[in-house]
Amino acid sequence: MAMLPDGRRLHLQHGPIDIVAEAFGEEAEVRAAYRQAGACFATILDGLVAELALLRRPLGETRPAPKGPVARRMLAACWPHRAQFITPMAAVAGSVADEVLAAMTAGRRLGRAYVNNGGDIAVHLGPGTSFVAGVVNDPDRPGLDERIVLGADGPARGLATSGRRGRSLSFGIADAVTVLAGNAAAADAAATLIANAVAVDHSAVERAPADALREESDLGARLVTVAVGPLPADARAAALDAGNAEAQAMHRAGLIASARLALQGETRVLAPIEAGAVAA
């Protein structure tokens, strides 16, 4: 736990968790917020490890009862999607961000704050404030492709990005799927599933069993994407349409505010983009 060289942002790192957080407000309030975030963060990884076996199990008809606060957030985010294959691990990064943000803002007077856990971001917005995030379509060609603005009057307080090039394995072929939702955990789970749905059967797509790539994977022998070569226009369109259909279903169910899907230079943006979560 340390301040970054700019003196404004807090860096929290433990095992695979790597967070950058920032609070805005009076100096004393910000310092207190960072102390609270650090105290919370020190307990998170051990708590997750203690329940890892439960959190790696696919959800079914019987709702499990995790004990830790982050584990409960993971379950709450993933439970609405239990009709398809999902484990609570689909929301782990977003849930950690939400938990640290909740600790950081508890009892504090802050204008706004964010917790960025590897791109899954939880946001606190005071009246009249906003949060701007940059979107990168292709990690192989990093650059600012779009700005997304979360406004205090809008519904979104979390955003997450998933795709085949992320730290997690994916069933799909998306370069990036960015989702805005009520909190980071919900955005994380939704982005995972929408990215999984951006898929097409084509000779340019190489897949392998998840457990052959990572022995500890909660996906077992299910096939995940290893590589994607150049796809023809009809294959790209089919994959993006499939992912967009999944995003539309989540939007109709009230689970997400908006989504943006990218694959090999093409994008789909779920419409309508909600007020306060406006692509600019």
Protein backbone atom coordinates (compact mmCIF):
# COMPACT_ATOMS: atom_id res chain seq x y z
CA MET A 1 0.00 0.00 0.00
CA ALA A 2 1.62 3.25 -1.12
CA MET A 3 0.91 6.58 -2.73
CA LEU A 4 1.90 6.86 -6.37
CA PRO A 5 4.53 9.46 -7.34
CA ASP A 6 1.85 12.02 -8.25
CA GLY A 7 0.90 12.17 -4.57
CA ARG A 8 -2.80 11.90 -5.43
CA ARG A 9 -3.52 8.25 -6.15
CA LEU A 10 -3.33 5.25 -3.85
CA HIS A 11 -1.77 1.99 -5.08
CA LEU A 12 -2.95 -1.27 -3.48
CA GLN A 13 -1.36 -4.55 -4.57
CA HIS A 14 -1.62 -8.04 -3.09
CA GLY A 15 -1.07 -11.19 -5.15
CA PRO A 16 -3.12 -10.87 -8.37
CA ILE A 17 -5.03 -7.80 -7.14
CA ASP A 18 -3.61 -4.50 -8.40
CA ILE A 19 -5.66 -1.38 -7.66
CA VAL A 20 -5.28 2.33 -8.32
CA ALA A 21 -7.73 4.47 -6.33
CA GLU A 22 -8.33 8.18 -6.10
CA ALA A 23 -10.58 10.33 -3.91
CA PHE A 24 -11.48 13.99 -4.35
CA GLY A 25 -12.32 16.26 -1.43
CA GLU A 26 -10.74 18.07 1.49
CA GLU A 27 -7.24 16.80 2.30
CA ALA A 28 -8.17 15.36 5.68
CA GLU A 29 -11.16 13.54 4.21
CA VAL A 30 -9.05 12.06 1.42
CA ARG A 31 -6.38 10.87 3.85
CA ALA A 32 -9.01 9.23 6.03
CA ALA A 33 -10.60 7.62 2.96
CA TYR A 34 -7.26 6.12 1.93
CA ARG A 35 -6.67 4.74 5.43
CA GLN A 36 -10.09 3.09 5.32
CA ALA A 37 -9.42 1.64 1.87
CA GLY A 38 -6.10 0.21 3.02
CA ALA A 39 -7.58 -1.38 6.13
CA CYS A 40 -10.27 -3.06 4.03
CA PHE A 41 -7.86 -4.17 1.33
CA ALA A 42 -5.56 -5.95 3.78
CA THR A 43 -8.27 -8.55 4.46
CA ILE A 44 -9.62 -9.19 0.95
CA LEU A 45 -7.32 -11.78 -0.59
CA ASP A 46 -7.25 -14.06 2.45
CA GLY A 47 -11.04 -13.93 2.60
CA LEU A 48 -11.36 -14.90 -1.05
CA VAL A 49 -8.87 -17.76 -0.76
CA ALA A 50 -10.82 -19.18 2.18
CA GLU A 51 -13.92 -19.55 -0.02
CA LEU A 52 -12.25 -20.25 -3.35
CA ALA A 53 -13.66 -23.75 -3.78
CA LEU A 54 -17.21 -22.43 -3.41
CA LEU A 55 -16.61 -19.45 -5.68
CA ARG A 56 -15.30 -21.65 -8.50
CA ARG A 57 -18.44 -23.81 -8.64
CA PRO A 58 -20.97 -23.16 -11.41
CA LEU A 59 -24.22 -21.66 -10.16
CA GLY A 60 -27.38 -23.75 -10.31
CA GLU A 61 -30.81 -23.88 -8.74
CA THR A 62 -29.59 -23.81 -5.13
CA ARG A 63 -28.20 -20.47 -4.06
CA PRO A 64 -24.90 -20.86 -2.18
CA ALA A 65 -24.17 -18.87 0.96
CA PRO A 66 -20.68 -17.37 0.88
CA LYS A 67 -19.56 -15.68 4.08
CA GLY A 68 -17.18 -12.91 3.07
CA PRO A 69 -18.38 -9.50 1.87
CA VAL A 70 -16.55 -9.69 -1.48
CA ALA A 71 -17.78 -13.25 -2.06
CA ARG A 72 -21.36 -12.11 -1.39
CA ARG A 73 -20.97 -9.31 -3.91
CA MET A 74 -19.69 -11.83 -6.47
CA LEU A 75 -22.70 -14.07 -5.94
CA ALA A 76 -25.18 -11.19 -6.13
CA ALA A 77 -23.73 -10.04 -9.46
CA CYS A 78 -23.68 -13.51 -11.03
CA TRP A 79 -26.90 -14.98 -9.64
CA PRO A 80 -29.21 -13.29 -12.22
CA HIS A 81 -27.22 -15.06 -14.98
CA ARG A 82 -27.43 -18.57 -13.48
CA ALA A 83 -29.50 -19.93 -16.38
CA GLN A 84 -26.25 -20.15 -18.32
CA PHE A 85 -22.81 -21.36 -17.25
CA ILE A 86 -21.28 -18.93 -14.78
CA THR A 87 -19.27 -19.10 -11.59
CA PRO A 88 -19.02 -16.26 -9.07
CA MET A 89 -15.43 -15.78 -10.22
CA ALA A 90 -16.86 -13.94 -13.24
CA ALA A 91 -17.37 -10.93 -10.97
CA VAL A 92 -14.33 -11.12 -8.71
CA ALA A 93 -12.44 -8.05 -9.96
CA GLY A 94 -15.49 -5.80 -9.99
CA SER A 95 -16.57 -7.02 -6.56
CA VAL A 96 -13.17 -6.22 -5.07
CA ALA A 97 -13.39 -2.72 -6.57
CA ASP A 98 -16.89 -2.22 -5.12
CA GLU A 99 -15.80 -3.39 -1.67
CA VAL A 100 -12.78 -1.12 -1.52
CA LEU A 101 -14.83 1.83 -2.77
CA ALA A 102 -17.49 1.19 -0.11
CA ALA A 103 -14.80 1.17 2.59
CA MET A 104 -13.12 4.27 1.18
CA THR A 105 -16.30 6.35 1.11
CA ALA A 106 -17.92 5.15 4.36
CA GLY A 107 -18.56 8.18 6.55
CA ARG A 108 -16.41 10.42 4.38
CA ARG A 109 -17.30 13.67 2.63
CA LEU A 110 -15.94 13.18 -0.87
CA GLY A 111 -16.91 14.91 -4.08
CA ARG A 112 -16.15 11.79 -6.06
CA ALA A 113 -13.89 8.73 -5.98
CA TYR A 114 -12.97 5.71 -8.02
CA VAL A 115 -11.32 2.33 -7.51
CA ASN A 116 -9.72 0.87 -10.64
CA ASN A 117 -8.98 -2.84 -10.27
CA GLY A 118 -7.24 -3.76 -13.51
CA GLY A 119 -9.82 -1.95 -15.63
CA ASP A 120 -12.88 -2.95 -13.62
CA ILE A 121 -13.83 0.35 -12.02
CA ALA A 122 -16.18 1.28 -9.17
CA VAL A 123 -17.20 4.94 -9.06
CA HIS A 124 -18.62 7.26 -6.39
CA LEU A 125 -20.18 10.45 -7.75
CA GLY A 126 -21.35 13.39 -5.72
CA PRO A 127 -24.07 15.72 -7.06
CA GLY A 128 -23.08 17.40 -10.29
CA THR A 129 -19.92 15.35 -10.81
CA SER A 130 -18.89 12.91 -13.52
CA PHE A 131 -16.26 10.31 -14.33
CA VAL A 132 -14.62 9.98 -17.75
CA ALA A 133 -13.09 6.69 -18.92
CA GLY A 134 -11.15 6.03 -22.09
CA VAL A 135 -11.98 2.97 -24.20
CA VAL A 136 -9.40 0.95 -26.13
CA ASN A 137 -10.80 -1.29 -28.87
CA ASP A 138 -7.70 -3.37 -29.58
CA PRO A 139 -5.06 -4.07 -26.91
CA ASP A 140 -2.56 -4.82 -29.68
CA ARG A 141 -2.94 -1.23 -30.90
CA PRO A 142 -3.51 0.77 -27.74
CA GLY A 143 -4.99 4.19 -28.24
CA LEU A 144 -8.01 6.19 -27.14
CA ASP A 145 -10.89 5.04 -29.34
CA GLU A 146 -13.73 6.61 -27.36
CA ARG A 147 -14.61 8.38 -24.14
CA ILE A 148 -17.40 7.20 -21.86
CA VAL A 149 -18.83 9.67 -19.36
CA LEU A 150 -20.61 8.49 -16.23
CA GLY A 151 -22.72 11.30 -14.80
CA ALA A 152 -24.09 11.67 -11.30
CA ASP A 153 -27.64 11.76 -12.68
CA GLY A 154 -27.23 8.49 -14.57
CA PRO A 155 -27.62 4.87 -13.39
CA ALA A 156 -24.07 3.62 -13.85
CA ARG A 157 -21.57 3.44 -11.00
CA GLY A 158 -19.41 0.68 -12.39
CA LEU A 159 -17.75 -0.31 -15.63
CA ALA A 160 -15.77 -3.34 -16.72
CA THR A 161 -14.10 -4.68 -19.83
CA SER A 162 -13.69 -8.30 -20.91
CA GLY A 163 -12.40 -10.08 -23.98
CA ARG A 164 -10.14 -12.84 -25.16
CA ARG A 165 -6.96 -10.86 -24.43
CA GLY A 166 -7.75 -10.18 -20.78
CA ARG A 167 -6.32 -11.95 -17.75
CA SER A 168 -9.26 -14.38 -17.76
CA LEU A 169 -9.99 -17.03 -20.36
CA SER A 170 -12.92 -16.39 -22.69
CA PHE A 171 -15.27 -18.56 -24.72
CA GLY A 172 -15.59 -15.70 -27.22
CA ILE A 173 -13.45 -13.83 -29.70
CA ALA A 174 -14.14 -10.19 -28.80
CA ASP A 175 -11.18 -7.83 -28.66
CA ALA A 176 -13.00 -5.88 -25.95
CA VAL A 177 -16.48 -5.64 -24.45
CA THR A 178 -17.02 -2.67 -22.15
CA VAL A 179 -20.14 -2.64 -19.97
CA LEU A 180 -21.65 0.03 -17.73
CA ALA A 181 -23.90 -1.10 -14.89
CA GLY A 182 -25.12 -0.13 -11.44
CA ASN A 183 -21.89 -1.30 -9.85
CA ALA A 184 -18.56 -2.76 -10.92
CA ALA A 185 -19.46 -6.33 -9.95
CA ALA A 186 -22.57 -6.31 -12.15
CA ALA A 187 -20.59 -4.79 -15.01
CA ASP A 188 -17.85 -7.41 -14.58
CA ALA A 189 -20.23 -10.39 -14.73
CA ALA A 190 -22.11 -8.95 -17.70
CA ALA A 191 -18.95 -8.07 -19.64
CA THR A 192 -17.69 -11.63 -19.16
CA LEU A 193 -20.87 -13.18 -20.53
CA ILE A 194 -21.29 -10.74 -23.42
CA ALA A 195 -17.66 -11.29 -24.42
CA ASN A 196 -18.30 -15.04 -24.29
CA ALA A 197 -21.25 -14.57 -26.63
CA VAL A 198 -19.17 -12.74 -29.27
CA ALA A 199 -18.37 -16.01 -31.01
CA VAL A 200 -18.48 -17.73 -34.37
CA ASP A 201 -17.32 -21.07 -35.74
CA HIS A 202 -14.60 -20.38 -38.28
CA SER A 203 -11.28 -21.91 -39.26
CA ALA A 204 -9.50 -18.73 -38.15
CA VAL A 205 -10.60 -19.31 -34.55
CA GLU A 206 -8.42 -21.63 -32.47
CA ARG A 207 -9.79 -23.10 -29.24
CA ALA A 208 -8.47 -25.40 -26.52
CA PRO A 209 -9.75 -26.86 -23.22
CA ALA A 210 -9.43 -24.33 -20.42
CA ASP A 211 -7.84 -26.79 -18.00
CA ALA A 212 -5.14 -27.59 -20.57
CA LEU A 213 -4.10 -23.93 -20.47
CA ARG A 214 -4.58 -23.31 -16.75
CA GLU A 215 -4.81 -26.29 -14.47
CA GLU A 216 -6.67 -24.30 -11.80
CA SER A 217 -9.30 -22.85 -14.18
CA ASP A 218 -12.92 -22.95 -12.99
CA LEU A 219 -13.97 -23.56 -16.62
CA GLY A 220 -12.82 -27.20 -16.65
CA ALA A 221 -12.52 -28.80 -20.08
CA ARG A 222 -14.75 -26.24 -21.79
CA LEU A 223 -13.22 -24.82 -24.95
CA VAL A 224 -11.79 -21.31 -24.71
CA THR A 225 -10.31 -19.07 -27.38
CA VAL A 226 -6.57 -19.35 -27.94
CA ALA A 227 -6.10 -17.32 -31.13
CA VAL A 228 -8.15 -15.53 -33.77
CA GLY A 229 -6.92 -14.87 -37.28
CA PRO A 230 -8.39 -12.34 -39.71
CA LEU A 231 -12.10 -12.96 -40.16
CA PRO A 232 -14.26 -12.17 -43.20
CA ALA A 233 -16.92 -9.50 -42.83
CA ASP A 234 -19.81 -11.95 -42.48
CA ALA A 235 -18.09 -13.84 -39.66
CA ARG A 236 -17.28 -10.62 -37.80
CA ALA A 237 -20.87 -9.45 -38.18
CA ALA A 238 -22.27 -12.79 -36.96
CA ALA A 239 -20.04 -12.76 -33.86
CA LEU A 240 -20.85 -9.15 -32.98
CA ASP A 241 -24.57 -9.68 -33.58
CA ALA A 242 -24.55 -12.65 -31.19
CA GLY A 243 -22.83 -10.61 -28.49
CA ASN A 244 -25.12 -7.65 -29.06
CA ALA A 245 -28.17 -9.89 -28.67
CA GLU A 246 -26.86 -10.99 -25.27
CA ALA A 247 -26.28 -7.36 -24.28
CA GLN A 248 -29.77 -6.37 -25.39
CA ALA A 249 -31.32 -9.13 -23.28
CA MET A 250 -29.39 -7.91 -20.22
CA HIS A 251 -30.45 -4.33 -20.90
CA ARG A 252 -34.10 -5.33 -21.16
CA ALA A 253 -33.77 -7.16 -17.85
CA GLY A 254 -32.35 -4.04 -16.20
CA LEU A 255 -28.98 -5.65 -15.51
CA ILE A 256 -26.81 -3.21 -17.47
CA ALA A 257 -26.96 0.42 -18.60
CA SER A 258 -25.02 0.05 -21.84
CA ALA A 259 -22.37 -1.97 -23.65
CA ARG A 260 -19.77 -1.49 -26.35
CA LEU A 261 -18.41 -4.47 -28.33
CA ALA A 262 -15.27 -4.43 -30.50
CA LEU A 263 -13.86 -7.04 -32.88
CA GLN A 264 -11.18 -6.54 -35.53
CA GLY A 265 -11.94 -2.89 -36.19
CA GLU A 266 -15.73 -3.14 -35.99
CA THR A 267 -17.93 -2.12 -33.08
CA ARG A 268 -21.48 -2.45 -31.81
CA VAL A 269 -22.86 0.00 -29.27
CA LEU A 270 -25.93 -1.04 -27.36
CA ALA A 271 -28.69 1.52 -27.81
CA PRO A 272 -30.02 3.44 -26.12
CA ILE A 273 -27.06 4.73 -24.17
CA GLU A 274 -28.60 5.80 -20.88
CA ALA A 275 -28.49 9.41 -19.69
CA GLY A 276 -25.40 9.82 -17.57
CA ALA A 277 -23.64 7.00 -19.36
CA VAL A 278 -23.14 8.74 -22.67
CA ALA A 279 -20.60 7.86 -25.31
CA ALA A 280 -18.84 11.07 -26.32
